[in-house]
Amino acid sequence: MTPRSFLLTPELGDYVRAGSEPLDEVAAALVAETAALAERGEAPATFQIAAEQGVLMQLLTRALGVRRAVEIGTFTGFSALCIARGLPEDGWLLCLDRSEEWTAVARRYWQRAGVADRVELRLGEALELLRALPAEPVFDLAFVDADKTGYPAYVDELHPRMRPNGLVLLDNTLRSGRVLDPQTDDDRALVALNAALATDPRFETVLLPLADGLTVLRVR
């Protein structure tokens, strides 16, 4: 039950993963445990990012020299694990999530991977937690994978808190292809946001067909 892009066949998904940096034992175990939770109906299967997306996020974090990062929507912690591993030893990742149950899984794996000291988890409503942060440009990287109708507000609140040339990554911006035929409020929210970001003067924007769509915003 390894997550993959809806654009890829299972065989091509396997090929993509085979051509990418493989997950180590800890990351693979986390993905497997999350899949088992989904199979038992204890967690949504669609919340887990694809393995190759995690590898890319770790690569970007390391290549860009990210020192301060923030994540909105942590789930069981795979994306946070990838970002934390890309940080230097004195780097800091702030994770905002509302679920104590799912993030308890994340905490175990962060500890097991030896990156727990780089990650701070704050539980609550992400928008409230984000607004409580000083409106100062301190973050080099942000990853948003939370309630889709909340994305516009998250982007607006992140902007003053991002350093120039910082990256904001938005997950699920293709909505399994439903951006072409929106069915839900979440779909419609992403369609509107995608259109707005394409001409937003605050950012340089590209929507990548990776996994379920990954929008990359560079702060101008």
N, C-alpha and C. Protein backbone atom coordinates (compact mmCIF):
# COMPACT_ATOMS: atom_id res chain seq x y z
N MET A 1 0.84 -1.20 0.00
CA MET A 1 0.00 0.00 0.00
C MET A 1 0.88 1.25 0.00
N THR A 2 1.99 1.19 -0.74
CA THR A 2 2.89 2.33 -0.83
C THR A 2 2.23 3.45 -1.62
N PRO A 3 2.12 4.65 -1.08
CA PRO A 3 1.49 5.74 -1.83
C PRO A 3 2.26 6.04 -3.11
N ARG A 4 1.53 6.37 -4.17
CA ARG A 4 2.16 6.73 -5.43
C ARG A 4 1.28 7.75 -6.13
N SER A 5 1.83 8.37 -7.16
CA SER A 5 1.08 9.33 -7.93
C SER A 5 -0.08 8.67 -8.65
N PHE A 6 -1.23 9.34 -8.70
CA PHE A 6 -2.36 8.82 -9.45
C PHE A 6 -2.07 8.84 -10.95
N LEU A 7 -1.02 9.57 -11.36
CA LEU A 7 -0.66 9.66 -12.77
C LEU A 7 0.15 8.45 -13.24
N LEU A 8 0.61 7.63 -12.30
CA LEU A 8 1.48 6.51 -12.63
C LEU A 8 0.78 5.18 -12.46
N THR A 9 1.08 4.23 -13.34
CA THR A 9 0.66 2.86 -13.12
C THR A 9 1.47 2.28 -11.95
N PRO A 10 0.99 1.21 -11.34
CA PRO A 10 1.79 0.59 -10.26
C PRO A 10 3.20 0.23 -10.72
N GLU A 11 3.32 -0.25 -11.96
CA GLU A 11 4.63 -0.65 -12.47
C GLU A 11 5.55 0.55 -12.65
N LEU A 12 5.00 1.63 -13.19
CA LEU A 12 5.81 2.83 -13.38
C LEU A 12 6.14 3.48 -12.04
N GLY A 13 5.22 3.37 -11.08
CA GLY A 13 5.52 3.85 -9.73
C GLY A 13 6.69 3.11 -9.12
N ASP A 14 6.72 1.79 -9.29
CA ASP A 14 7.84 1.00 -8.80
C ASP A 14 9.14 1.42 -9.48
N TYR A 15 9.06 1.71 -10.78
CA TYR A 15 10.25 2.12 -11.52
C TYR A 15 10.78 3.45 -11.01
N VAL A 16 9.87 4.39 -10.74
CA VAL A 16 10.27 5.70 -10.21
C VAL A 16 10.99 5.54 -8.88
N ARG A 17 10.43 4.72 -8.00
CA ARG A 17 11.06 4.52 -6.69
C ARG A 17 12.41 3.83 -6.83
N ALA A 18 12.51 2.90 -7.78
CA ALA A 18 13.77 2.19 -7.98
C ALA A 18 14.86 3.12 -8.51
N GLY A 19 14.45 4.20 -9.18
CA GLY A 19 15.41 5.14 -9.71
C GLY A 19 15.69 6.31 -8.78
N SER A 20 15.20 6.22 -7.55
CA SER A 20 15.39 7.27 -6.56
C SER A 20 16.13 6.71 -5.36
N GLU A 21 16.63 7.62 -4.52
CA GLU A 21 17.29 7.21 -3.27
C GLU A 21 16.33 6.31 -2.48
N PRO A 22 16.75 5.12 -2.10
CA PRO A 22 15.84 4.22 -1.37
C PRO A 22 15.62 4.69 0.06
N LEU A 23 14.45 4.36 0.59
CA LEU A 23 14.17 4.64 1.99
C LEU A 23 15.00 3.72 2.86
N ASP A 24 15.52 4.25 3.95
CA ASP A 24 16.25 3.39 4.87
C ASP A 24 15.27 2.63 5.76
N GLU A 25 15.79 1.83 6.67
CA GLU A 25 14.96 0.95 7.48
C GLU A 25 13.93 1.73 8.30
N VAL A 26 14.33 2.87 8.87
CA VAL A 26 13.42 3.63 9.72
C VAL A 26 12.29 4.23 8.90
N ALA A 27 12.62 4.88 7.81
CA ALA A 27 11.60 5.51 6.97
C ALA A 27 10.66 4.46 6.38
N ALA A 28 11.23 3.33 5.94
CA ALA A 28 10.41 2.27 5.37
C ALA A 28 9.46 1.69 6.42
N ALA A 29 9.93 1.55 7.64
CA ALA A 29 9.09 1.03 8.72
C ALA A 29 7.94 2.00 9.02
N LEU A 30 8.21 3.29 8.98
CA LEU A 30 7.18 4.29 9.22
C LEU A 30 6.12 4.23 8.13
N VAL A 31 6.54 4.16 6.88
CA VAL A 31 5.60 4.05 5.77
C VAL A 31 4.75 2.79 5.92
N ALA A 32 5.39 1.68 6.31
CA ALA A 32 4.67 0.42 6.46
C ALA A 32 3.67 0.48 7.61
N GLU A 33 4.05 1.08 8.73
CA GLU A 33 3.13 1.18 9.85
C GLU A 33 1.94 2.07 9.51
N THR A 34 2.20 3.15 8.79
CA THR A 34 1.12 4.04 8.38
C THR A 34 0.17 3.32 7.43
N ALA A 35 0.71 2.52 6.51
CA ALA A 35 -0.12 1.75 5.60
C ALA A 35 -0.97 0.74 6.36
N ALA A 36 -0.39 0.12 7.39
CA ALA A 36 -1.14 -0.84 8.20
C ALA A 36 -2.28 -0.15 8.95
N LEU A 37 -2.04 1.05 9.45
CA LEU A 37 -3.10 1.82 10.10
C LEU A 37 -4.25 2.10 9.13
N ALA A 38 -3.88 2.44 7.89
CA ALA A 38 -4.90 2.73 6.88
C ALA A 38 -5.69 1.48 6.51
N GLU A 39 -5.00 0.35 6.39
CA GLU A 39 -5.67 -0.89 6.05
C GLU A 39 -6.67 -1.31 7.13
N ARG A 40 -6.37 -0.98 8.38
CA ARG A 40 -7.28 -1.30 9.48
C ARG A 40 -8.36 -0.23 9.67
N GLY A 41 -8.31 0.82 8.86
CA GLY A 41 -9.28 1.89 8.97
C GLY A 41 -9.03 2.83 10.12
N GLU A 42 -7.81 2.81 10.65
CA GLU A 42 -7.47 3.66 11.80
C GLU A 42 -6.85 4.98 11.38
N ALA A 43 -6.57 5.14 10.09
CA ALA A 43 -5.99 6.38 9.57
C ALA A 43 -6.31 6.46 8.09
N PRO A 44 -6.43 7.67 7.54
CA PRO A 44 -6.72 7.81 6.11
C PRO A 44 -5.50 7.45 5.26
N ALA A 45 -5.69 6.62 4.26
CA ALA A 45 -4.59 6.23 3.39
C ALA A 45 -4.07 7.41 2.57
N THR A 46 -4.95 8.36 2.27
CA THR A 46 -4.58 9.47 1.40
C THR A 46 -3.73 10.53 2.08
N PHE A 47 -3.52 10.42 3.39
CA PHE A 47 -2.74 11.43 4.10
C PHE A 47 -1.24 11.23 3.95
N GLN A 48 -0.80 10.04 3.53
CA GLN A 48 0.63 9.74 3.45
C GLN A 48 1.20 10.20 2.12
N ILE A 49 2.29 10.97 2.15
CA ILE A 49 2.91 11.39 0.90
C ILE A 49 3.68 10.22 0.29
N ALA A 50 3.92 10.31 -1.01
CA ALA A 50 4.66 9.28 -1.72
C ALA A 50 6.13 9.27 -1.30
N ALA A 51 6.74 8.10 -1.38
CA ALA A 51 8.13 7.95 -0.96
C ALA A 51 9.06 8.87 -1.75
N GLU A 52 8.86 8.96 -3.07
CA GLU A 52 9.74 9.80 -3.88
C GLU A 52 9.57 11.28 -3.55
N GLN A 53 8.39 11.67 -3.10
CA GLN A 53 8.19 13.05 -2.68
C GLN A 53 8.98 13.33 -1.40
N GLY A 54 8.99 12.38 -0.49
CA GLY A 54 9.78 12.54 0.72
C GLY A 54 11.26 12.65 0.42
N VAL A 55 11.73 11.83 -0.51
CA VAL A 55 13.14 11.88 -0.91
C VAL A 55 13.47 13.26 -1.50
N LEU A 56 12.56 13.78 -2.34
CA LEU A 56 12.79 15.10 -2.93
C LEU A 56 12.83 16.18 -1.86
N MET A 57 11.94 16.11 -0.88
CA MET A 57 11.90 17.13 0.16
C MET A 57 13.17 17.09 1.01
N GLN A 58 13.66 15.90 1.28
CA GLN A 58 14.92 15.80 2.03
C GLN A 58 16.07 16.38 1.21
N LEU A 59 16.08 16.06 -0.08
CA LEU A 59 17.13 16.57 -0.97
C LEU A 59 17.09 18.10 -1.03
N LEU A 60 15.89 18.69 -1.20
CA LEU A 60 15.75 20.14 -1.28
C LEU A 60 16.21 20.80 0.03
N THR A 61 15.80 20.21 1.14
CA THR A 61 16.17 20.78 2.44
C THR A 61 17.68 20.85 2.59
N ARG A 62 18.34 19.78 2.20
CA ARG A 62 19.80 19.72 2.33
C ARG A 62 20.49 20.62 1.30
N ALA A 63 20.03 20.56 0.05
CA ALA A 63 20.68 21.31 -1.02
C ALA A 63 20.54 22.83 -0.84
N LEU A 64 19.42 23.26 -0.30
CA LEU A 64 19.17 24.69 -0.12
C LEU A 64 19.76 25.23 1.19
N GLY A 65 20.32 24.36 1.99
CA GLY A 65 20.89 24.80 3.26
C GLY A 65 19.84 25.30 4.24
N VAL A 66 18.68 24.67 4.23
CA VAL A 66 17.59 25.09 5.12
C VAL A 66 18.01 24.91 6.57
N ARG A 67 17.73 25.92 7.39
CA ARG A 67 18.04 25.85 8.82
C ARG A 67 16.77 25.92 9.68
N ARG A 68 15.75 26.60 9.17
CA ARG A 68 14.49 26.73 9.91
C ARG A 68 13.35 26.36 8.97
N ALA A 69 12.52 25.43 9.38
CA ALA A 69 11.42 24.97 8.54
C ALA A 69 10.15 24.84 9.37
N VAL A 70 9.01 24.88 8.69
CA VAL A 70 7.73 24.72 9.36
C VAL A 70 6.86 23.79 8.51
N GLU A 71 6.12 22.94 9.18
CA GLU A 71 5.23 22.01 8.50
C GLU A 71 3.83 22.16 9.07
N ILE A 72 2.85 22.29 8.19
CA ILE A 72 1.44 22.38 8.60
C ILE A 72 0.75 21.10 8.16
N GLY A 73 0.46 20.25 9.12
CA GLY A 73 -0.12 18.94 8.84
C GLY A 73 0.96 17.88 8.85
N THR A 74 1.10 17.18 9.96
CA THR A 74 2.22 16.25 10.15
C THR A 74 1.82 14.79 10.02
N PHE A 75 0.59 14.44 10.40
CA PHE A 75 0.09 13.06 10.32
C PHE A 75 1.03 12.14 11.10
N THR A 76 1.52 11.06 10.50
CA THR A 76 2.39 10.13 11.23
C THR A 76 3.88 10.46 11.07
N GLY A 77 4.20 11.57 10.43
CA GLY A 77 5.55 12.10 10.53
C GLY A 77 6.54 11.78 9.44
N PHE A 78 6.12 11.16 8.33
CA PHE A 78 7.10 10.81 7.30
C PHE A 78 7.69 12.05 6.64
N SER A 79 6.85 13.01 6.26
CA SER A 79 7.38 14.23 5.62
C SER A 79 8.29 14.98 6.57
N ALA A 80 7.89 15.05 7.84
CA ALA A 80 8.73 15.74 8.83
C ALA A 80 10.06 15.02 9.01
N LEU A 81 10.03 13.70 9.00
CA LEU A 81 11.26 12.93 9.11
C LEU A 81 12.21 13.27 7.97
N CYS A 82 11.67 13.38 6.75
CA CYS A 82 12.50 13.69 5.59
C CYS A 82 13.10 15.09 5.71
N ILE A 83 12.28 16.06 6.10
CA ILE A 83 12.79 17.43 6.25
C ILE A 83 13.84 17.49 7.35
N ALA A 84 13.54 16.87 8.49
CA ALA A 84 14.47 16.92 9.62
C ALA A 84 15.82 16.31 9.27
N ARG A 85 15.79 15.26 8.48
CA ARG A 85 17.04 14.63 8.09
C ARG A 85 17.87 15.51 7.16
N GLY A 86 17.21 16.41 6.45
CA GLY A 86 17.94 17.32 5.57
C GLY A 86 18.51 18.53 6.29
N LEU A 87 18.08 18.76 7.53
CA LEU A 87 18.55 19.91 8.30
C LEU A 87 19.94 19.66 8.88
N PRO A 88 20.69 20.71 9.14
CA PRO A 88 21.94 20.54 9.89
C PRO A 88 21.62 20.16 11.33
N GLU A 89 22.64 19.79 12.08
CA GLU A 89 22.41 19.33 13.45
C GLU A 89 21.74 20.38 14.32
N ASP A 90 22.00 21.66 14.05
CA ASP A 90 21.39 22.71 14.83
C ASP A 90 20.15 23.30 14.15
N GLY A 91 19.62 22.60 13.14
CA GLY A 91 18.43 23.05 12.45
C GLY A 91 17.18 22.82 13.28
N TRP A 92 16.07 23.42 12.84
CA TRP A 92 14.82 23.36 13.62
C TRP A 92 13.64 23.24 12.67
N LEU A 93 12.80 22.27 12.94
CA LEU A 93 11.54 22.07 12.21
C LEU A 93 10.40 22.20 13.19
N LEU A 94 9.48 23.11 12.90
CA LEU A 94 8.28 23.30 13.72
C LEU A 94 7.12 22.61 13.02
N CYS A 95 6.49 21.64 13.69
CA CYS A 95 5.36 20.90 13.15
C CYS A 95 4.07 21.31 13.85
N LEU A 96 3.06 21.63 13.07
CA LEU A 96 1.77 22.04 13.59
C LEU A 96 0.72 21.01 13.16
N ASP A 97 0.04 20.42 14.14
CA ASP A 97 -0.96 19.39 13.84
C ASP A 97 -1.96 19.34 14.99
N ARG A 98 -3.15 18.80 14.70
CA ARG A 98 -4.18 18.73 15.72
C ARG A 98 -4.32 17.35 16.36
N SER A 99 -3.68 16.32 15.78
CA SER A 99 -3.90 14.95 16.24
C SER A 99 -2.77 14.47 17.15
N GLU A 100 -3.10 14.24 18.40
CA GLU A 100 -2.13 13.67 19.33
C GLU A 100 -1.87 12.21 19.01
N GLU A 101 -2.93 11.51 18.53
CA GLU A 101 -2.81 10.07 18.25
C GLU A 101 -1.84 9.80 17.10
N TRP A 102 -2.03 10.45 15.97
CA TRP A 102 -1.18 10.19 14.81
C TRP A 102 0.23 10.73 15.02
N THR A 103 0.36 11.88 15.66
CA THR A 103 1.71 12.43 15.86
C THR A 103 2.49 11.64 16.91
N ALA A 104 1.79 10.84 17.72
CA ALA A 104 2.51 9.95 18.65
C ALA A 104 3.33 8.93 17.86
N VAL A 105 2.79 8.47 16.75
CA VAL A 105 3.56 7.59 15.86
C VAL A 105 4.78 8.33 15.33
N ALA A 106 4.55 9.58 14.91
CA ALA A 106 5.65 10.39 14.38
C ALA A 106 6.78 10.53 15.40
N ARG A 107 6.41 10.83 16.63
CA ARG A 107 7.42 11.04 17.67
C ARG A 107 8.32 9.81 17.83
N ARG A 108 7.73 8.62 17.78
CA ARG A 108 8.51 7.39 17.93
C ARG A 108 9.57 7.27 16.84
N TYR A 109 9.17 7.58 15.61
CA TYR A 109 10.11 7.43 14.50
C TYR A 109 11.14 8.55 14.45
N TRP A 110 10.77 9.75 14.85
CA TRP A 110 11.76 10.82 14.93
C TRP A 110 12.85 10.44 15.94
N GLN A 111 12.42 9.87 17.05
CA GLN A 111 13.37 9.44 18.07
C GLN A 111 14.25 8.31 17.53
N ARG A 112 13.63 7.37 16.87
CA ARG A 112 14.36 6.22 16.33
C ARG A 112 15.38 6.65 15.28
N ALA A 113 15.04 7.71 14.52
CA ALA A 113 15.94 8.19 13.47
C ALA A 113 17.00 9.14 14.00
N GLY A 114 16.92 9.52 15.26
CA GLY A 114 17.91 10.41 15.85
C GLY A 114 17.74 11.87 15.48
N VAL A 115 16.51 12.28 15.11
CA VAL A 115 16.28 13.68 14.72
C VAL A 115 15.26 14.37 15.63
N ALA A 116 14.87 13.72 16.71
CA ALA A 116 13.84 14.28 17.58
C ALA A 116 14.24 15.64 18.15
N ASP A 117 15.54 15.85 18.34
CA ASP A 117 16.00 17.12 18.89
C ASP A 117 15.89 18.27 17.90
N ARG A 118 15.62 17.97 16.63
CA ARG A 118 15.47 19.01 15.62
C ARG A 118 14.00 19.36 15.37
N VAL A 119 13.09 18.61 15.97
CA VAL A 119 11.67 18.77 15.66
C VAL A 119 10.91 19.24 16.90
N GLU A 120 10.13 20.29 16.74
CA GLU A 120 9.22 20.76 17.78
C GLU A 120 7.79 20.59 17.28
N LEU A 121 6.99 19.85 18.02
CA LEU A 121 5.60 19.61 17.66
C LEU A 121 4.68 20.43 18.54
N ARG A 122 3.79 21.20 17.90
CA ARG A 122 2.79 21.96 18.63
C ARG A 122 1.42 21.49 18.17
N LEU A 123 0.60 21.08 19.13
CA LEU A 123 -0.73 20.56 18.83
C LEU A 123 -1.78 21.64 18.97
N GLY A 124 -2.71 21.65 18.04
CA GLY A 124 -3.80 22.63 18.06
C GLY A 124 -4.25 22.95 16.65
N GLU A 125 -5.07 23.98 16.52
CA GLU A 125 -5.50 24.43 15.20
C GLU A 125 -4.34 25.15 14.52
N ALA A 126 -3.94 24.63 13.36
CA ALA A 126 -2.72 25.12 12.72
C ALA A 126 -2.76 26.61 12.42
N LEU A 127 -3.89 27.11 11.96
CA LEU A 127 -3.94 28.52 11.60
C LEU A 127 -3.75 29.40 12.83
N GLU A 128 -4.34 29.01 13.94
CA GLU A 128 -4.16 29.77 15.18
C GLU A 128 -2.72 29.71 15.64
N LEU A 129 -2.11 28.53 15.56
CA LEU A 129 -0.72 28.39 15.97
C LEU A 129 0.20 29.19 15.07
N LEU A 130 -0.10 29.20 13.78
CA LEU A 130 0.72 29.95 12.84
C LEU A 130 0.60 31.45 13.09
N ARG A 131 -0.61 31.92 13.32
CA ARG A 131 -0.81 33.35 13.57
C ARG A 131 -0.18 33.81 14.87
N ALA A 132 0.03 32.88 15.80
CA ALA A 132 0.65 33.23 17.07
C ALA A 132 2.16 33.42 16.95
N LEU A 133 2.74 32.98 15.83
CA LEU A 133 4.18 33.16 15.63
C LEU A 133 4.48 34.60 15.25
N PRO A 134 5.64 35.12 15.64
CA PRO A 134 6.01 36.48 15.21
C PRO A 134 6.00 36.58 13.69
N ALA A 135 5.48 37.68 13.18
CA ALA A 135 5.42 37.90 11.73
C ALA A 135 6.76 38.40 11.23
N GLU A 136 7.76 37.56 11.39
CA GLU A 136 9.14 37.89 11.00
C GLU A 136 9.67 36.82 10.06
N PRO A 137 10.51 37.18 9.10
CA PRO A 137 11.00 36.22 8.11
C PRO A 137 12.09 35.31 8.68
N VAL A 138 11.69 34.17 9.22
CA VAL A 138 12.65 33.26 9.85
C VAL A 138 12.73 31.90 9.16
N PHE A 139 11.72 31.52 8.38
CA PHE A 139 11.69 30.17 7.81
C PHE A 139 12.27 30.14 6.40
N ASP A 140 13.05 29.11 6.14
CA ASP A 140 13.62 28.88 4.81
C ASP A 140 12.74 27.96 3.98
N LEU A 141 11.94 27.14 4.65
CA LEU A 141 11.12 26.13 3.97
C LEU A 141 9.83 25.92 4.74
N ALA A 142 8.73 25.77 4.00
CA ALA A 142 7.45 25.44 4.60
C ALA A 142 6.79 24.34 3.77
N PHE A 143 6.14 23.41 4.45
CA PHE A 143 5.39 22.36 3.77
C PHE A 143 3.98 22.36 4.31
N VAL A 144 2.99 22.44 3.41
CA VAL A 144 1.59 22.49 3.81
C VAL A 144 0.88 21.26 3.27
N ASP A 145 0.33 20.46 4.18
CA ASP A 145 -0.41 19.25 3.82
C ASP A 145 -1.51 19.07 4.86
N ALA A 146 -2.47 19.98 4.83
CA ALA A 146 -3.53 20.00 5.84
C ALA A 146 -4.87 20.20 5.15
N ASP A 147 -5.84 20.78 5.87
CA ASP A 147 -7.17 21.00 5.30
C ASP A 147 -7.07 21.91 4.07
N LYS A 148 -7.64 21.45 2.97
CA LYS A 148 -7.42 22.13 1.69
C LYS A 148 -8.10 23.50 1.63
N THR A 149 -9.25 23.65 2.25
CA THR A 149 -9.91 24.94 2.24
C THR A 149 -9.12 25.98 3.04
N GLY A 150 -8.21 25.52 3.89
CA GLY A 150 -7.39 26.42 4.67
C GLY A 150 -6.12 26.87 3.97
N TYR A 151 -5.81 26.31 2.80
CA TYR A 151 -4.56 26.64 2.12
C TYR A 151 -4.37 28.13 1.85
N PRO A 152 -5.38 28.85 1.34
CA PRO A 152 -5.15 30.28 1.09
C PRO A 152 -4.72 31.05 2.34
N ALA A 153 -5.35 30.74 3.47
CA ALA A 153 -4.98 31.42 4.72
C ALA A 153 -3.58 31.01 5.16
N TYR A 154 -3.23 29.75 4.98
CA TYR A 154 -1.88 29.31 5.36
C TYR A 154 -0.83 30.04 4.53
N VAL A 155 -1.07 30.16 3.23
CA VAL A 155 -0.12 30.85 2.36
C VAL A 155 0.03 32.31 2.78
N ASP A 156 -1.10 32.96 3.06
CA ASP A 156 -1.05 34.37 3.47
C ASP A 156 -0.29 34.55 4.78
N GLU A 157 -0.50 33.64 5.72
CA GLU A 157 0.18 33.75 7.02
C GLU A 157 1.65 33.36 6.93
N LEU A 158 1.97 32.45 6.04
CA LEU A 158 3.37 32.05 5.89
C LEU A 158 4.21 33.13 5.23
N HIS A 159 3.64 33.85 4.29
CA HIS A 159 4.44 34.77 3.48
C HIS A 159 5.31 35.71 4.31
N PRO A 160 4.77 36.44 5.29
CA PRO A 160 5.64 37.35 6.05
C PRO A 160 6.63 36.63 6.96
N ARG A 161 6.46 35.33 7.13
CA ARG A 161 7.33 34.56 8.01
C ARG A 161 8.40 33.79 7.25
N MET A 162 8.41 33.95 5.92
CA MET A 162 9.38 33.27 5.08
C MET A 162 10.51 34.22 4.70
N ARG A 163 11.72 33.70 4.67
CA ARG A 163 12.87 34.49 4.23
C ARG A 163 12.82 34.66 2.71
N PRO A 164 13.40 35.73 2.18
CA PRO A 164 13.49 35.87 0.72
C PRO A 164 14.16 34.63 0.11
N ASN A 165 13.62 34.16 -0.99
CA ASN A 165 14.06 32.94 -1.67
C ASN A 165 13.66 31.67 -0.94
N GLY A 166 12.94 31.80 0.16
CA GLY A 166 12.42 30.62 0.84
C GLY A 166 11.38 29.91 -0.02
N LEU A 167 11.20 28.62 0.25
CA LEU A 167 10.25 27.82 -0.52
C LEU A 167 9.06 27.42 0.34
N VAL A 168 7.87 27.54 -0.26
CA VAL A 168 6.64 27.01 0.33
C VAL A 168 6.17 25.88 -0.58
N LEU A 169 6.01 24.68 -0.02
CA LEU A 169 5.55 23.52 -0.77
C LEU A 169 4.11 23.21 -0.38
N LEU A 170 3.23 23.11 -1.36
CA LEU A 170 1.82 22.81 -1.12
C LEU A 170 1.49 21.45 -1.71
N ASP A 171 0.96 20.56 -0.89
CA ASP A 171 0.69 19.20 -1.33
C ASP A 171 -0.74 19.07 -1.85
N ASN A 172 -0.95 18.05 -2.68
CA ASN A 172 -2.29 17.66 -3.18
C ASN A 172 -2.94 18.71 -4.07
N THR A 173 -2.14 19.45 -4.83
CA THR A 173 -2.72 20.54 -5.61
C THR A 173 -3.30 20.08 -6.95
N LEU A 174 -3.26 18.78 -7.24
CA LEU A 174 -3.97 18.25 -8.40
C LEU A 174 -5.23 17.49 -8.01
N ARG A 175 -5.38 17.16 -6.74
CA ARG A 175 -6.60 16.53 -6.23
C ARG A 175 -6.98 15.29 -7.04
N SER A 176 -5.98 14.43 -7.32
CA SER A 176 -6.21 13.20 -8.09
C SER A 176 -6.85 13.49 -9.45
N GLY A 177 -6.56 14.66 -10.00
CA GLY A 177 -7.09 15.05 -11.30
C GLY A 177 -8.41 15.78 -11.25
N ARG A 178 -9.00 15.89 -10.07
CA ARG A 178 -10.33 16.52 -9.97
C ARG A 178 -10.28 18.04 -10.12
N VAL A 179 -9.09 18.62 -10.24
CA VAL A 179 -9.02 20.05 -10.54
C VAL A 179 -9.67 20.36 -11.89
N LEU A 180 -9.77 19.35 -12.76
CA LEU A 180 -10.42 19.54 -14.06
C LEU A 180 -11.94 19.40 -13.97
N ASP A 181 -12.41 18.80 -12.91
CA ASP A 181 -13.86 18.61 -12.71
C ASP A 181 -14.13 18.58 -11.21
N PRO A 182 -14.06 19.75 -10.56
CA PRO A 182 -14.16 19.81 -9.09
C PRO A 182 -15.46 19.20 -8.57
N GLN A 183 -15.33 18.38 -7.52
CA GLN A 183 -16.48 17.69 -6.95
C GLN A 183 -16.80 18.14 -5.53
N THR A 184 -15.82 18.64 -4.82
CA THR A 184 -15.98 18.97 -3.41
C THR A 184 -15.48 20.38 -3.13
N ASP A 185 -15.77 20.85 -1.92
CA ASP A 185 -15.25 22.15 -1.50
C ASP A 185 -13.72 22.17 -1.52
N ASP A 186 -13.11 21.05 -1.13
CA ASP A 186 -11.64 20.96 -1.17
C ASP A 186 -11.13 21.12 -2.59
N ASP A 187 -11.78 20.43 -3.53
CA ASP A 187 -11.38 20.54 -4.93
C ASP A 187 -11.49 21.98 -5.41
N ARG A 188 -12.62 22.59 -5.14
CA ARG A 188 -12.86 23.96 -5.62
C ARG A 188 -11.88 24.95 -4.98
N ALA A 189 -11.54 24.72 -3.71
CA ALA A 189 -10.58 25.61 -3.05
C ALA A 189 -9.22 25.54 -3.72
N LEU A 190 -8.79 24.34 -4.10
CA LEU A 190 -7.49 24.20 -4.75
C LEU A 190 -7.50 24.75 -6.17
N VAL A 191 -8.61 24.59 -6.89
CA VAL A 191 -8.71 25.17 -8.23
C VAL A 191 -8.54 26.69 -8.16
N ALA A 192 -9.24 27.32 -7.23
CA ALA A 192 -9.14 28.77 -7.08
C ALA A 192 -7.74 29.19 -6.66
N LEU A 193 -7.16 28.46 -5.73
CA LEU A 193 -5.82 28.81 -5.25
C LEU A 193 -4.78 28.64 -6.35
N ASN A 194 -4.85 27.54 -7.09
CA ASN A 194 -3.89 27.32 -8.18
C ASN A 194 -3.92 28.47 -9.18
N ALA A 195 -5.12 28.91 -9.52
CA ALA A 195 -5.25 30.02 -10.47
C ALA A 195 -4.67 31.31 -9.90
N ALA A 196 -4.93 31.56 -8.63
CA ALA A 196 -4.45 32.79 -7.99
C ALA A 196 -2.92 32.80 -7.86
N LEU A 197 -2.34 31.66 -7.49
CA LEU A 197 -0.90 31.60 -7.28
C LEU A 197 -0.11 31.76 -8.57
N ALA A 198 -0.71 31.35 -9.69
CA ALA A 198 0.00 31.44 -10.97
C ALA A 198 0.36 32.87 -11.32
N THR A 199 -0.39 33.84 -10.79
CA THR A 199 -0.12 35.26 -11.08
C THR A 199 0.15 36.07 -9.82
N ASP A 200 0.41 35.39 -8.71
CA ASP A 200 0.65 36.08 -7.44
C ASP A 200 2.03 36.74 -7.46
N PRO A 201 2.10 38.06 -7.33
CA PRO A 201 3.41 38.73 -7.42
C PRO A 201 4.34 38.43 -6.26
N ARG A 202 3.83 37.83 -5.20
CA ARG A 202 4.67 37.52 -4.04
C ARG A 202 5.59 36.34 -4.29
N PHE A 203 5.21 35.49 -5.27
CA PHE A 203 5.90 34.22 -5.44
C PHE A 203 6.25 33.96 -6.90
N GLU A 204 7.31 33.18 -7.09
CA GLU A 204 7.57 32.49 -8.35
C GLU A 204 6.99 31.09 -8.18
N THR A 205 6.13 30.66 -9.08
CA THR A 205 5.29 29.50 -8.84
C THR A 205 5.44 28.44 -9.93
N VAL A 206 5.52 27.17 -9.50
CA VAL A 206 5.42 26.06 -10.45
C VAL A 206 4.61 24.95 -9.79
N LEU A 207 3.66 24.39 -10.55
CA LEU A 207 2.87 23.26 -10.10
C LEU A 207 3.43 22.02 -10.78
N LEU A 208 3.99 21.13 -9.97
CA LEU A 208 4.65 19.94 -10.50
C LEU A 208 3.70 18.74 -10.46
N PRO A 209 3.70 17.91 -11.50
CA PRO A 209 2.89 16.69 -11.51
C PRO A 209 3.58 15.56 -10.74
N LEU A 210 3.92 15.83 -9.49
CA LEU A 210 4.57 14.86 -8.63
C LEU A 210 3.56 14.37 -7.60
N ALA A 211 3.46 13.06 -7.46
CA ALA A 211 2.50 12.46 -6.53
C ALA A 211 1.09 13.01 -6.83
N ASP A 212 0.46 13.69 -5.89
CA ASP A 212 -0.88 14.24 -6.12
C ASP A 212 -0.84 15.72 -6.46
N GLY A 213 0.30 16.16 -7.00
CA GLY A 213 0.49 17.57 -7.32
C GLY A 213 1.23 18.27 -6.20
N LEU A 214 2.37 18.85 -6.51
CA LEU A 214 3.16 19.58 -5.54
C LEU A 214 3.46 20.96 -6.11
N THR A 215 2.90 21.99 -5.50
CA THR A 215 3.16 23.36 -5.92
C THR A 215 4.35 23.91 -5.14
N VAL A 216 5.29 24.48 -5.85
CA VAL A 216 6.49 25.05 -5.25
C VAL A 216 6.42 26.58 -5.43
N LEU A 217 6.47 27.28 -4.32
CA LEU A 217 6.45 28.74 -4.32
C LEU A 217 7.79 29.27 -3.82
N ARG A 218 8.45 30.10 -4.64
CA ARG A 218 9.66 30.78 -4.17
C ARG A 218 9.28 32.20 -3.79
N VAL A 219 9.62 32.58 -2.57
CA VAL A 219 9.31 33.93 -2.10
C VAL A 219 10.22 34.92 -2.83
N ARG A 220 9.62 35.89 -3.49
CA ARG A 220 10.40 36.87 -4.25
C ARG A 220 11.09 37.85 -3.30
